[in-house]
Each structure stands twice: as C-alpha cells, then as structure tokens.
Amino acid sequence: MGTRETIVDAAMAVVRDQGVARLTLDEAARAAGISKGGVLYHFKSKADLIRGMVQRLIDQCDQLTQDYYLREPEGAYRWARTLVRACFDPTGPANDPVGGALLAAVTVNPVLMEPIHAMYAKWMERLASDSPDMARAKLVCTAMDGLYFQRLMGLRLCEGEACGHLMNHALDLLTPKEGEPS
C-alpha cells in the first residue's frame, strides 16, 4: 500500500473514531504516522483529502457492483439487479459510518460532489444498457438509494430476514413480465 492510500486509511479512521469535524491534515498525518508535509505532498487541502476519501468509497461501491455483476445472470435489468444485491450487501460501504460523515462534508462543498455525480452518470449508462423499461429500473434504483442513505444515517429500514424479503421484492419488480423483453 502506498503513502496516499495510508493517508486515506488514516483519515477514514479519524472520521470513524472522532467524526468529520475532527479531521484535519495534522490529525490525518498523526494517524498515518507521517509528517504533515507528507500529507500535503499528496493532498493540498482538507477538501482534497475528503475528495480522496469520497473517491475511495466510490471505488469500493464500484468494485462491489462489478463483483455482483459478474455473478448476476445475463438478461434484462442485469445492472439494476446487480445494484439491488450490492445495496443489501452487509459488507458494503453503506454500513461504514465514515460514509455518513463524508456525506455531511460534501453537502457543504458542492465541488466535492463531482465524483459522486460522475459515478451516477456511469451507473445510469449501465442501467440503460440492459433495462427495457428505464422508468422501472430507475424506480427500483431510487428505492435502493433511499435504503443506502438510510444506512449512512444509521437508520435501519429492515434487519435480517426482513431485508431478504425486501431485496426479493425489489428483484421481483425487475423480473420481466409475460410479453416483455427478457
């Protein structure tokens, strides 16, 4: 692991343990065990460091969806089904408290939202590539976004078996009905 990744890991640990308000370049340096100059070499500002942390979460989400996509059977709504399964994954980034803290940080600095916008644009292209009814796919994915953001805020719409039922219902909505393309 390189120094940049070590700094991001340390900054994420600071946010998990102390909250985003306590994140400073000095604190990230201390947690990473390097000098502040070492942090500044990789991140020019706190906003730049937060951008790196946001990118890490985006990369984790993207890797999780890629893993599920490879296991998901071909056919209509493959990407939407992938997003549903990834959303319910208990190891996903939505269950990391750092995500909620970063969400709060990026909302006060819209420039930090740019990587998230880019990720959503890519996901919408993926959805369009195999969704015969884009409105249906977007509706289910909007529900998954709601579930994701609830988890980021520490709210739990469901637990255990209830989550399995909710996931299966979302997947049922993505099963083409008789006469629809499959």
N, C-alpha and C. Protein backbone atom coordinates (compact mmCIF):
# COMPACT_ATOMS: atom_id res chain seq x y z
N MET A 1 0.86 -1.18 0.00
CA MET A 1 0.00 0.00 0.00
C MET A 1 0.90 1.23 0.00
N GLY A 2 0.54 2.21 -0.84
CA GLY A 2 1.32 3.43 -0.94
C GLY A 2 0.97 4.44 0.14
N THR A 3 1.75 5.49 0.19
CA THR A 3 1.56 6.53 1.20
C THR A 3 0.20 7.20 1.06
N ARG A 4 -0.21 7.46 -0.16
CA ARG A 4 -1.51 8.10 -0.39
C ARG A 4 -2.64 7.25 0.21
N GLU A 5 -2.61 5.95 -0.04
CA GLU A 5 -3.63 5.05 0.50
C GLU A 5 -3.56 4.99 2.02
N THR A 6 -2.35 5.02 2.56
CA THR A 6 -2.18 5.02 4.02
C THR A 6 -2.81 6.25 4.63
N ILE A 7 -2.63 7.39 3.98
CA ILE A 7 -3.21 8.64 4.48
C ILE A 7 -4.73 8.57 4.43
N VAL A 8 -5.28 8.08 3.33
CA VAL A 8 -6.74 7.95 3.22
C VAL A 8 -7.26 7.00 4.29
N ASP A 9 -6.59 5.87 4.48
CA ASP A 9 -7.00 4.93 5.54
C ASP A 9 -6.99 5.61 6.90
N ALA A 10 -5.94 6.36 7.19
CA ALA A 10 -5.82 7.04 8.48
C ALA A 10 -6.91 8.09 8.63
N ALA A 11 -7.17 8.84 7.58
CA ALA A 11 -8.21 9.88 7.64
C ALA A 11 -9.58 9.25 7.87
N MET A 12 -9.83 8.12 7.22
CA MET A 12 -11.11 7.43 7.41
C MET A 12 -11.22 6.92 8.85
N ALA A 13 -10.12 6.46 9.43
CA ALA A 13 -10.13 6.02 10.83
C ALA A 13 -10.42 7.19 11.76
N VAL A 14 -9.85 8.36 11.46
CA VAL A 14 -10.11 9.55 12.27
C VAL A 14 -11.60 9.87 12.22
N VAL A 15 -12.19 9.84 11.03
CA VAL A 15 -13.61 10.16 10.89
C VAL A 15 -14.46 9.13 11.62
N ARG A 16 -14.12 7.84 11.50
CA ARG A 16 -14.87 6.80 12.20
C ARG A 16 -14.82 6.98 13.72
N ASP A 17 -13.62 7.30 14.21
CA ASP A 17 -13.41 7.36 15.66
C ASP A 17 -13.80 8.69 16.30
N GLN A 18 -13.60 9.80 15.54
CA GLN A 18 -13.76 11.13 16.14
C GLN A 18 -14.77 12.02 15.43
N GLY A 19 -15.19 11.62 14.22
CA GLY A 19 -16.12 12.43 13.45
C GLY A 19 -15.39 13.32 12.45
N VAL A 20 -16.11 13.74 11.42
CA VAL A 20 -15.50 14.50 10.33
C VAL A 20 -15.04 15.88 10.80
N ALA A 21 -15.70 16.43 11.82
CA ALA A 21 -15.30 17.75 12.32
C ALA A 21 -13.88 17.73 12.89
N ARG A 22 -13.43 16.57 13.36
CA ARG A 22 -12.09 16.45 13.96
C ARG A 22 -11.01 16.14 12.92
N LEU A 23 -11.42 15.94 11.68
CA LEU A 23 -10.45 15.63 10.64
C LEU A 23 -9.71 16.90 10.22
N THR A 24 -8.42 16.90 10.41
CA THR A 24 -7.54 17.95 9.93
C THR A 24 -6.36 17.27 9.24
N LEU A 25 -5.60 18.04 8.50
CA LEU A 25 -4.41 17.47 7.88
C LEU A 25 -3.43 17.03 8.96
N ASP A 26 -3.33 17.79 10.05
CA ASP A 26 -2.46 17.42 11.16
C ASP A 26 -2.88 16.08 11.77
N GLU A 27 -4.20 15.92 11.98
CA GLU A 27 -4.71 14.69 12.59
C GLU A 27 -4.53 13.51 11.64
N ALA A 28 -4.73 13.73 10.35
CA ALA A 28 -4.50 12.66 9.37
C ALA A 28 -3.03 12.25 9.37
N ALA A 29 -2.14 13.24 9.45
CA ALA A 29 -0.70 12.95 9.49
C ALA A 29 -0.35 12.14 10.74
N ARG A 30 -0.88 12.57 11.89
CA ARG A 30 -0.60 11.87 13.14
C ARG A 30 -1.08 10.42 13.05
N ALA A 31 -2.32 10.24 12.56
CA ALA A 31 -2.89 8.90 12.48
C ALA A 31 -2.14 8.02 11.47
N ALA A 32 -1.62 8.64 10.42
CA ALA A 32 -0.89 7.88 9.39
C ALA A 32 0.56 7.63 9.79
N GLY A 33 1.02 8.35 10.81
CA GLY A 33 2.40 8.20 11.24
C GLY A 33 3.40 8.84 10.31
N ILE A 34 2.97 9.93 9.66
CA ILE A 34 3.87 10.66 8.77
C ILE A 34 3.80 12.15 9.09
N SER A 35 4.66 12.92 8.48
CA SER A 35 4.66 14.36 8.73
C SER A 35 3.51 15.04 8.00
N LYS A 36 3.16 16.22 8.47
CA LYS A 36 2.12 16.98 7.77
C LYS A 36 2.59 17.29 6.35
N GLY A 37 3.88 17.53 6.18
CA GLY A 37 4.43 17.75 4.83
C GLY A 37 4.18 16.56 3.92
N GLY A 38 4.25 15.35 4.49
CA GLY A 38 3.97 14.14 3.72
C GLY A 38 2.52 14.10 3.27
N VAL A 39 1.63 14.54 4.15
CA VAL A 39 0.22 14.61 3.78
C VAL A 39 0.03 15.66 2.70
N LEU A 40 0.64 16.83 2.90
CA LEU A 40 0.50 17.93 1.93
C LEU A 40 1.06 17.58 0.56
N TYR A 41 2.02 16.68 0.50
CA TYR A 41 2.57 16.25 -0.77
C TYR A 41 1.49 15.54 -1.60
N HIS A 42 0.63 14.80 -0.92
CA HIS A 42 -0.42 14.03 -1.60
C HIS A 42 -1.76 14.74 -1.65
N PHE A 43 -2.05 15.57 -0.65
CA PHE A 43 -3.34 16.26 -0.55
C PHE A 43 -3.07 17.71 -0.20
N LYS A 44 -3.44 18.62 -1.07
CA LYS A 44 -3.12 20.05 -0.89
C LYS A 44 -4.00 20.74 0.14
N SER A 45 -5.13 20.12 0.50
CA SER A 45 -6.06 20.74 1.45
C SER A 45 -6.93 19.65 2.07
N LYS A 46 -7.67 20.04 3.10
CA LYS A 46 -8.62 19.11 3.71
C LYS A 46 -9.66 18.69 2.68
N ALA A 47 -10.11 19.64 1.86
CA ALA A 47 -11.09 19.31 0.82
C ALA A 47 -10.53 18.27 -0.14
N ASP A 48 -9.26 18.39 -0.47
CA ASP A 48 -8.61 17.43 -1.36
C ASP A 48 -8.55 16.05 -0.70
N LEU A 49 -8.27 16.03 0.59
CA LEU A 49 -8.25 14.77 1.33
C LEU A 49 -9.65 14.15 1.37
N ILE A 50 -10.66 14.96 1.62
CA ILE A 50 -12.04 14.45 1.63
C ILE A 50 -12.41 13.93 0.25
N ARG A 51 -11.97 14.61 -0.80
CA ARG A 51 -12.21 14.13 -2.17
C ARG A 51 -11.59 12.74 -2.35
N GLY A 52 -10.39 12.55 -1.81
CA GLY A 52 -9.74 11.24 -1.88
C GLY A 52 -10.52 10.17 -1.12
N MET A 53 -11.09 10.56 0.02
CA MET A 53 -11.89 9.63 0.81
C MET A 53 -13.19 9.28 0.08
N VAL A 54 -13.82 10.29 -0.51
CA VAL A 54 -15.04 10.06 -1.29
C VAL A 54 -14.72 9.12 -2.46
N GLN A 55 -13.60 9.37 -3.11
CA GLN A 55 -13.22 8.51 -4.24
C GLN A 55 -13.01 7.07 -3.77
N ARG A 56 -12.43 6.90 -2.59
CA ARG A 56 -12.24 5.55 -2.04
C ARG A 56 -13.60 4.86 -1.88
N LEU A 57 -14.59 5.56 -1.32
CA LEU A 57 -15.91 4.96 -1.15
C LEU A 57 -16.55 4.65 -2.50
N ILE A 58 -16.38 5.54 -3.46
CA ILE A 58 -16.91 5.29 -4.80
C ILE A 58 -16.25 4.05 -5.40
N ASP A 59 -14.94 3.95 -5.26
CA ASP A 59 -14.22 2.79 -5.79
C ASP A 59 -14.68 1.50 -5.12
N GLN A 60 -14.93 1.57 -3.80
CA GLN A 60 -15.43 0.39 -3.09
C GLN A 60 -16.82 -0.01 -3.60
N CYS A 61 -17.68 0.99 -3.80
CA CYS A 61 -19.02 0.72 -4.35
C CYS A 61 -18.91 0.12 -5.74
N ASP A 62 -18.06 0.70 -6.55
CA ASP A 62 -17.91 0.22 -7.92
C ASP A 62 -17.37 -1.21 -7.95
N GLN A 63 -16.41 -1.51 -7.09
CA GLN A 63 -15.86 -2.87 -7.04
C GLN A 63 -16.93 -3.86 -6.59
N LEU A 64 -17.71 -3.47 -5.59
CA LEU A 64 -18.78 -4.33 -5.11
C LEU A 64 -19.80 -4.61 -6.22
N THR A 65 -20.19 -3.57 -6.97
CA THR A 65 -21.16 -3.79 -8.05
C THR A 65 -20.54 -4.63 -9.17
N GLN A 66 -19.28 -4.42 -9.47
CA GLN A 66 -18.63 -5.24 -10.50
C GLN A 66 -18.63 -6.71 -10.09
N ASP A 67 -18.34 -6.97 -8.83
CA ASP A 67 -18.33 -8.35 -8.33
C ASP A 67 -19.72 -8.99 -8.47
N TYR A 68 -20.74 -8.25 -8.10
CA TYR A 68 -22.11 -8.79 -8.22
C TYR A 68 -22.50 -8.92 -9.69
N TYR A 69 -22.11 -7.99 -10.53
CA TYR A 69 -22.47 -8.05 -11.94
C TYR A 69 -21.93 -9.34 -12.58
N LEU A 70 -20.71 -9.70 -12.23
CA LEU A 70 -20.12 -10.90 -12.81
C LEU A 70 -20.86 -12.17 -12.39
N ARG A 71 -21.52 -12.13 -11.25
CA ARG A 71 -22.27 -13.30 -10.76
C ARG A 71 -23.74 -13.29 -11.21
N GLU A 72 -24.21 -12.14 -11.65
CA GLU A 72 -25.63 -11.99 -11.99
C GLU A 72 -25.89 -12.58 -13.39
N PRO A 73 -26.95 -13.39 -13.53
CA PRO A 73 -27.26 -13.96 -14.84
C PRO A 73 -27.54 -12.86 -15.87
N GLU A 74 -27.18 -13.16 -17.10
CA GLU A 74 -27.46 -12.21 -18.18
C GLU A 74 -28.95 -12.05 -18.34
N GLY A 75 -29.33 -10.96 -18.97
CA GLY A 75 -30.74 -10.72 -19.24
C GLY A 75 -31.14 -9.31 -18.88
N ALA A 76 -32.43 -9.07 -19.05
CA ALA A 76 -32.97 -7.74 -18.79
C ALA A 76 -32.73 -7.35 -17.33
N TYR A 77 -32.42 -6.10 -17.14
CA TYR A 77 -32.24 -5.50 -15.82
C TYR A 77 -31.03 -6.06 -15.06
N ARG A 78 -30.05 -6.59 -15.78
CA ARG A 78 -28.90 -7.18 -15.09
C ARG A 78 -28.21 -6.15 -14.18
N TRP A 79 -28.02 -4.93 -14.69
CA TRP A 79 -27.36 -3.91 -13.85
C TRP A 79 -28.25 -3.49 -12.69
N ALA A 80 -29.53 -3.37 -12.92
CA ALA A 80 -30.43 -3.00 -11.82
C ALA A 80 -30.44 -4.09 -10.75
N ARG A 81 -30.49 -5.35 -11.16
CA ARG A 81 -30.45 -6.45 -10.20
C ARG A 81 -29.13 -6.43 -9.43
N THR A 82 -28.06 -6.11 -10.14
CA THR A 82 -26.75 -6.00 -9.51
C THR A 82 -26.75 -4.94 -8.42
N LEU A 83 -27.33 -3.78 -8.73
CA LEU A 83 -27.37 -2.69 -7.75
C LEU A 83 -28.22 -3.06 -6.54
N VAL A 84 -29.31 -3.79 -6.77
CA VAL A 84 -30.13 -4.24 -5.64
C VAL A 84 -29.31 -5.14 -4.73
N ARG A 85 -28.66 -6.13 -5.32
CA ARG A 85 -27.88 -7.08 -4.50
C ARG A 85 -26.75 -6.37 -3.76
N ALA A 86 -26.07 -5.46 -4.43
CA ALA A 86 -24.98 -4.73 -3.79
C ALA A 86 -25.49 -3.85 -2.65
N CYS A 87 -26.66 -3.28 -2.83
CA CYS A 87 -27.22 -2.41 -1.80
C CYS A 87 -27.51 -3.18 -0.52
N PHE A 88 -27.89 -4.43 -0.64
CA PHE A 88 -28.22 -5.23 0.54
C PHE A 88 -27.00 -5.96 1.12
N ASP A 89 -25.84 -5.80 0.51
CA ASP A 89 -24.64 -6.46 1.00
C ASP A 89 -24.22 -5.85 2.34
N PRO A 90 -24.16 -6.65 3.39
CA PRO A 90 -23.83 -6.10 4.71
C PRO A 90 -22.39 -5.60 4.82
N THR A 91 -21.53 -6.00 3.88
CA THR A 91 -20.14 -5.53 3.92
C THR A 91 -19.94 -4.27 3.09
N GLY A 92 -20.99 -3.79 2.45
CA GLY A 92 -20.87 -2.64 1.56
C GLY A 92 -20.58 -1.33 2.29
N PRO A 93 -20.14 -0.34 1.54
CA PRO A 93 -19.79 0.96 2.12
C PRO A 93 -20.92 1.67 2.85
N ALA A 94 -22.16 1.32 2.57
CA ALA A 94 -23.28 1.97 3.26
C ALA A 94 -23.27 1.65 4.75
N ASN A 95 -22.59 0.59 5.12
CA ASN A 95 -22.54 0.20 6.52
C ASN A 95 -21.31 0.75 7.23
N ASP A 96 -20.52 1.57 6.56
CA ASP A 96 -19.34 2.19 7.15
C ASP A 96 -19.72 3.59 7.61
N PRO A 97 -19.61 3.89 8.90
CA PRO A 97 -20.02 5.20 9.40
C PRO A 97 -19.29 6.37 8.75
N VAL A 98 -18.15 6.11 8.15
CA VAL A 98 -17.42 7.20 7.50
C VAL A 98 -18.21 7.75 6.33
N GLY A 99 -19.04 6.93 5.69
CA GLY A 99 -19.84 7.38 4.56
C GLY A 99 -20.80 8.49 4.94
N GLY A 100 -21.50 8.33 6.05
CA GLY A 100 -22.42 9.36 6.51
C GLY A 100 -21.72 10.65 6.86
N ALA A 101 -20.56 10.53 7.49
CA ALA A 101 -19.79 11.73 7.85
C ALA A 101 -19.32 12.45 6.59
N LEU A 102 -18.87 11.68 5.60
CA LEU A 102 -18.41 12.32 4.35
C LEU A 102 -19.57 12.93 3.59
N LEU A 103 -20.73 12.30 3.66
CA LEU A 103 -21.91 12.87 3.02
C LEU A 103 -22.19 14.26 3.59
N ALA A 104 -22.10 14.39 4.90
CA ALA A 104 -22.29 15.70 5.53
C ALA A 104 -21.24 16.70 5.04
N ALA A 105 -20.01 16.25 4.91
CA ALA A 105 -18.93 17.15 4.48
C ALA A 105 -19.11 17.60 3.03
N VAL A 106 -19.52 16.68 2.16
CA VAL A 106 -19.62 17.05 0.74
C VAL A 106 -20.83 17.93 0.46
N THR A 107 -21.85 17.86 1.30
CA THR A 107 -23.01 18.69 1.03
C THR A 107 -22.72 20.17 1.26
N VAL A 108 -21.73 20.49 2.07
CA VAL A 108 -21.38 21.90 2.28
C VAL A 108 -20.38 22.40 1.25
N ASN A 109 -19.84 21.49 0.46
CA ASN A 109 -18.88 21.87 -0.59
C ASN A 109 -19.28 21.14 -1.87
N PRO A 110 -20.14 21.75 -2.69
CA PRO A 110 -20.66 21.07 -3.89
C PRO A 110 -19.60 20.55 -4.85
N VAL A 111 -18.42 21.14 -4.87
CA VAL A 111 -17.36 20.65 -5.76
C VAL A 111 -16.99 19.21 -5.40
N LEU A 112 -17.09 18.88 -4.12
CA LEU A 112 -16.76 17.53 -3.68
C LEU A 112 -17.79 16.50 -4.15
N MET A 113 -18.94 16.98 -4.62
CA MET A 113 -19.98 16.09 -5.13
C MET A 113 -19.68 15.61 -6.55
N GLU A 114 -18.75 16.25 -7.24
CA GLU A 114 -18.49 15.92 -8.65
C GLU A 114 -18.18 14.44 -8.87
N PRO A 115 -17.33 13.80 -8.05
CA PRO A 115 -17.10 12.36 -8.29
C PRO A 115 -18.36 11.52 -8.11
N ILE A 116 -19.23 11.92 -7.21
CA ILE A 116 -20.48 11.20 -6.99
C ILE A 116 -21.38 11.36 -8.21
N HIS A 117 -21.44 12.57 -8.75
CA HIS A 117 -22.23 12.81 -9.97
C HIS A 117 -21.70 11.97 -11.12
N ALA A 118 -20.39 11.90 -11.24
CA ALA A 118 -19.78 11.11 -12.31
C ALA A 118 -20.11 9.63 -12.15
N MET A 119 -20.08 9.14 -10.91
CA MET A 119 -20.42 7.74 -10.65
C MET A 119 -21.87 7.47 -11.05
N TYR A 120 -22.78 8.37 -10.66
CA TYR A 120 -24.19 8.18 -11.01
C TYR A 120 -24.39 8.20 -12.52
N ALA A 121 -23.70 9.06 -13.21
CA ALA A 121 -23.82 9.09 -14.67
C ALA A 121 -23.40 7.75 -15.27
N LYS A 122 -22.30 7.20 -14.76
CA LYS A 122 -21.83 5.89 -15.25
C LYS A 122 -22.86 4.81 -14.93
N TRP A 123 -23.44 4.85 -13.74
CA TRP A 123 -24.42 3.84 -13.37
C TRP A 123 -25.69 3.97 -14.21
N MET A 124 -26.07 5.18 -14.56
CA MET A 124 -27.26 5.36 -15.41
C MET A 124 -27.01 4.81 -16.82
N GLU A 125 -25.79 4.98 -17.31
CA GLU A 125 -25.44 4.39 -18.61
C GLU A 125 -25.53 2.87 -18.53
N ARG A 126 -25.03 2.30 -17.46
CA ARG A 126 -25.10 0.85 -17.28
C ARG A 126 -26.56 0.39 -17.24
N LEU A 127 -27.39 1.09 -16.47
CA LEU A 127 -28.80 0.73 -16.39
C LEU A 127 -29.46 0.77 -17.76
N ALA A 128 -29.18 1.82 -18.51
CA ALA A 128 -29.78 1.99 -19.83
C ALA A 128 -29.36 0.88 -20.79
N SER A 129 -28.19 0.29 -20.54
CA SER A 129 -27.66 -0.72 -21.47
C SER A 129 -28.47 -2.01 -21.48
N ASP A 130 -29.21 -2.30 -20.41
CA ASP A 130 -29.92 -3.57 -20.39
C ASP A 130 -31.32 -3.50 -19.73
N SER A 131 -31.84 -2.30 -19.59
CA SER A 131 -33.16 -2.15 -18.97
C SER A 131 -34.20 -1.82 -20.02
N PRO A 132 -35.10 -2.77 -20.31
CA PRO A 132 -36.13 -2.49 -21.31
C PRO A 132 -37.10 -1.39 -20.87
N ASP A 133 -37.28 -1.24 -19.57
CA ASP A 133 -38.15 -0.19 -19.04
C ASP A 133 -37.31 0.63 -18.05
N MET A 134 -36.75 1.73 -18.56
CA MET A 134 -35.85 2.55 -17.74
C MET A 134 -36.57 3.14 -16.55
N ALA A 135 -37.86 3.45 -16.69
CA ALA A 135 -38.60 4.01 -15.56
C ALA A 135 -38.65 3.00 -14.41
N ARG A 136 -38.88 1.74 -14.73
CA ARG A 136 -38.91 0.70 -13.70
C ARG A 136 -37.54 0.56 -13.05
N ALA A 137 -36.51 0.52 -13.86
CA ALA A 137 -35.15 0.38 -13.33
C ALA A 137 -34.79 1.56 -12.43
N LYS A 138 -35.12 2.77 -12.88
CA LYS A 138 -34.82 3.95 -12.08
C LYS A 138 -35.61 3.97 -10.78
N LEU A 139 -36.85 3.53 -10.82
CA LEU A 139 -37.68 3.49 -9.62
C LEU A 139 -37.06 2.55 -8.57
N VAL A 140 -36.68 1.36 -8.99
CA VAL A 140 -36.08 0.40 -8.07
C VAL A 140 -34.74 0.95 -7.56
N CYS A 141 -33.94 1.52 -8.44
CA CYS A 141 -32.64 2.05 -8.02
C CYS A 141 -32.79 3.26 -7.10
N THR A 142 -33.83 4.06 -7.31
CA THR A 142 -34.10 5.17 -6.40
C THR A 142 -34.45 4.64 -5.01
N ALA A 143 -35.21 3.56 -4.96
CA ALA A 143 -35.52 2.93 -3.67
C ALA A 143 -34.23 2.42 -3.01
N MET A 144 -33.33 1.86 -3.81
CA MET A 144 -32.06 1.37 -3.26
C MET A 144 -31.21 2.54 -2.74
N ASP A 145 -31.25 3.67 -3.46
CA ASP A 145 -30.55 4.87 -2.97
C ASP A 145 -31.11 5.28 -1.61
N GLY A 146 -32.42 5.22 -1.47
CA GLY A 146 -33.04 5.56 -0.20
C GLY A 146 -32.57 4.63 0.92
N LEU A 147 -32.51 3.34 0.62
CA LEU A 147 -32.03 2.37 1.60
C LEU A 147 -30.57 2.66 1.95
N TYR A 148 -29.77 2.94 0.92
CA TYR A 148 -28.35 3.25 1.12
C TYR A 148 -28.19 4.47 2.03
N PHE A 149 -28.91 5.53 1.74
CA PHE A 149 -28.78 6.75 2.54
C PHE A 149 -29.34 6.57 3.95
N GLN A 150 -30.36 5.75 4.10
CA GLN A 150 -30.84 5.45 5.45
C GLN A 150 -29.75 4.77 6.26
N ARG A 151 -29.05 3.84 5.65
CA ARG A 151 -27.97 3.15 6.35
C ARG A 151 -26.84 4.13 6.68
N LEU A 152 -26.52 5.02 5.75
CA LEU A 152 -25.48 6.01 6.02
C LEU A 152 -25.82 6.86 7.24
N MET A 153 -27.10 7.10 7.43
CA MET A 153 -27.55 7.93 8.55
C MET A 153 -27.81 7.10 9.81
N GLY A 154 -27.52 5.81 9.74
CA GLY A 154 -27.70 4.96 10.90
C GLY A 154 -29.12 4.48 11.11
N LEU A 155 -29.97 4.69 10.12
CA LEU A 155 -31.35 4.21 10.21
C LEU A 155 -31.43 2.82 9.58
N ARG A 156 -32.29 1.98 10.11
CA ARG A 156 -32.43 0.63 9.57
C ARG A 156 -33.87 0.38 9.20
N LEU A 157 -34.14 0.34 7.91
CA LEU A 157 -35.48 0.05 7.42
C LEU A 157 -35.83 -1.41 7.70
N CYS A 158 -34.82 -2.25 7.66
CA CYS A 158 -35.05 -3.67 7.89
C CYS A 158 -33.80 -4.29 8.48
N GLU A 159 -34.00 -5.45 9.08
CA GLU A 159 -32.90 -6.25 9.63
C GLU A 159 -33.16 -7.70 9.27
N GLY A 160 -32.10 -8.46 9.12
CA GLY A 160 -32.19 -9.90 8.93
C GLY A 160 -33.12 -10.36 7.83
N GLU A 161 -34.05 -11.23 8.20
CA GLU A 161 -34.96 -11.84 7.24
C GLU A 161 -35.82 -10.80 6.52
N ALA A 162 -36.19 -9.73 7.21
CA ALA A 162 -36.99 -8.68 6.58
C ALA A 162 -36.23 -8.05 5.42
N CYS A 163 -34.91 -7.92 5.56
CA CYS A 163 -34.11 -7.38 4.45
C CYS A 163 -34.13 -8.32 3.26
N GLY A 164 -34.06 -9.62 3.54
CA GLY A 164 -34.13 -10.59 2.45
C GLY A 164 -35.45 -10.50 1.70
N HIS A 165 -36.53 -10.33 2.43
CA HIS A 165 -37.85 -10.18 1.78
C HIS A 165 -37.89 -8.91 0.94
N LEU A 166 -37.37 -7.83 1.49
CA LEU A 166 -37.37 -6.56 0.76
C LEU A 166 -36.52 -6.66 -0.51
N MET A 167 -35.35 -7.29 -0.40
CA MET A 167 -34.49 -7.47 -1.57
C MET A 167 -35.20 -8.32 -2.62
N ASN A 168 -35.81 -9.41 -2.20
CA ASN A 168 -36.51 -10.28 -3.15
C ASN A 168 -37.66 -9.55 -3.83
N HIS A 169 -38.34 -8.70 -3.10
CA HIS A 169 -39.44 -7.94 -3.71
C HIS A 169 -38.89 -6.98 -4.77
N ALA A 170 -37.78 -6.31 -4.45
CA ALA A 170 -37.16 -5.42 -5.45
C ALA A 170 -36.73 -6.21 -6.68
N LEU A 171 -36.15 -7.39 -6.47
CA LEU A 171 -35.73 -8.22 -7.60
C LEU A 171 -36.94 -8.70 -8.41
N ASP A 172 -38.04 -9.01 -7.73
CA ASP A 172 -39.27 -9.41 -8.44
C ASP A 172 -39.75 -8.30 -9.36
N LEU A 173 -39.63 -7.06 -8.92
CA LEU A 173 -40.03 -5.92 -9.75
C LEU A 173 -39.18 -5.85 -11.03
N LEU A 174 -38.00 -6.44 -10.97
CA LEU A 174 -37.09 -6.41 -12.13
C LEU A 174 -37.17 -7.67 -12.97
N THR A 175 -38.12 -8.53 -12.67
CA THR A 175 -38.32 -9.73 -13.48
C THR A 175 -39.31 -9.37 -14.58
N PRO A 176 -38.89 -9.48 -15.84
CA PRO A 176 -39.81 -9.13 -16.93
C PRO A 176 -41.10 -9.96 -16.85
N LYS A 177 -42.19 -9.28 -17.06
CA LYS A 177 -43.50 -9.92 -17.04
C LYS A 177 -43.77 -10.53 -18.42
N GLU A 178 -44.78 -11.37 -18.50
CA GLU A 178 -45.11 -12.03 -19.75
C GLU A 178 -45.33 -10.99 -20.86
N GLY A 179 -44.66 -11.21 -21.98
CA GLY A 179 -44.79 -10.32 -23.12
C GLY A 179 -43.74 -9.21 -23.15
N GLU A 180 -42.99 -9.03 -22.05
CA GLU A 180 -41.93 -8.02 -22.01
C GLU A 180 -40.62 -8.65 -22.47
N PRO A 181 -39.70 -7.85 -22.99
CA PRO A 181 -38.38 -8.37 -23.36
C PRO A 181 -37.67 -8.91 -22.13
N SER A 182 -36.95 -10.00 -22.30
CA SER A 182 -36.23 -10.56 -21.16
C SER A 182 -34.75 -10.64 -21.37
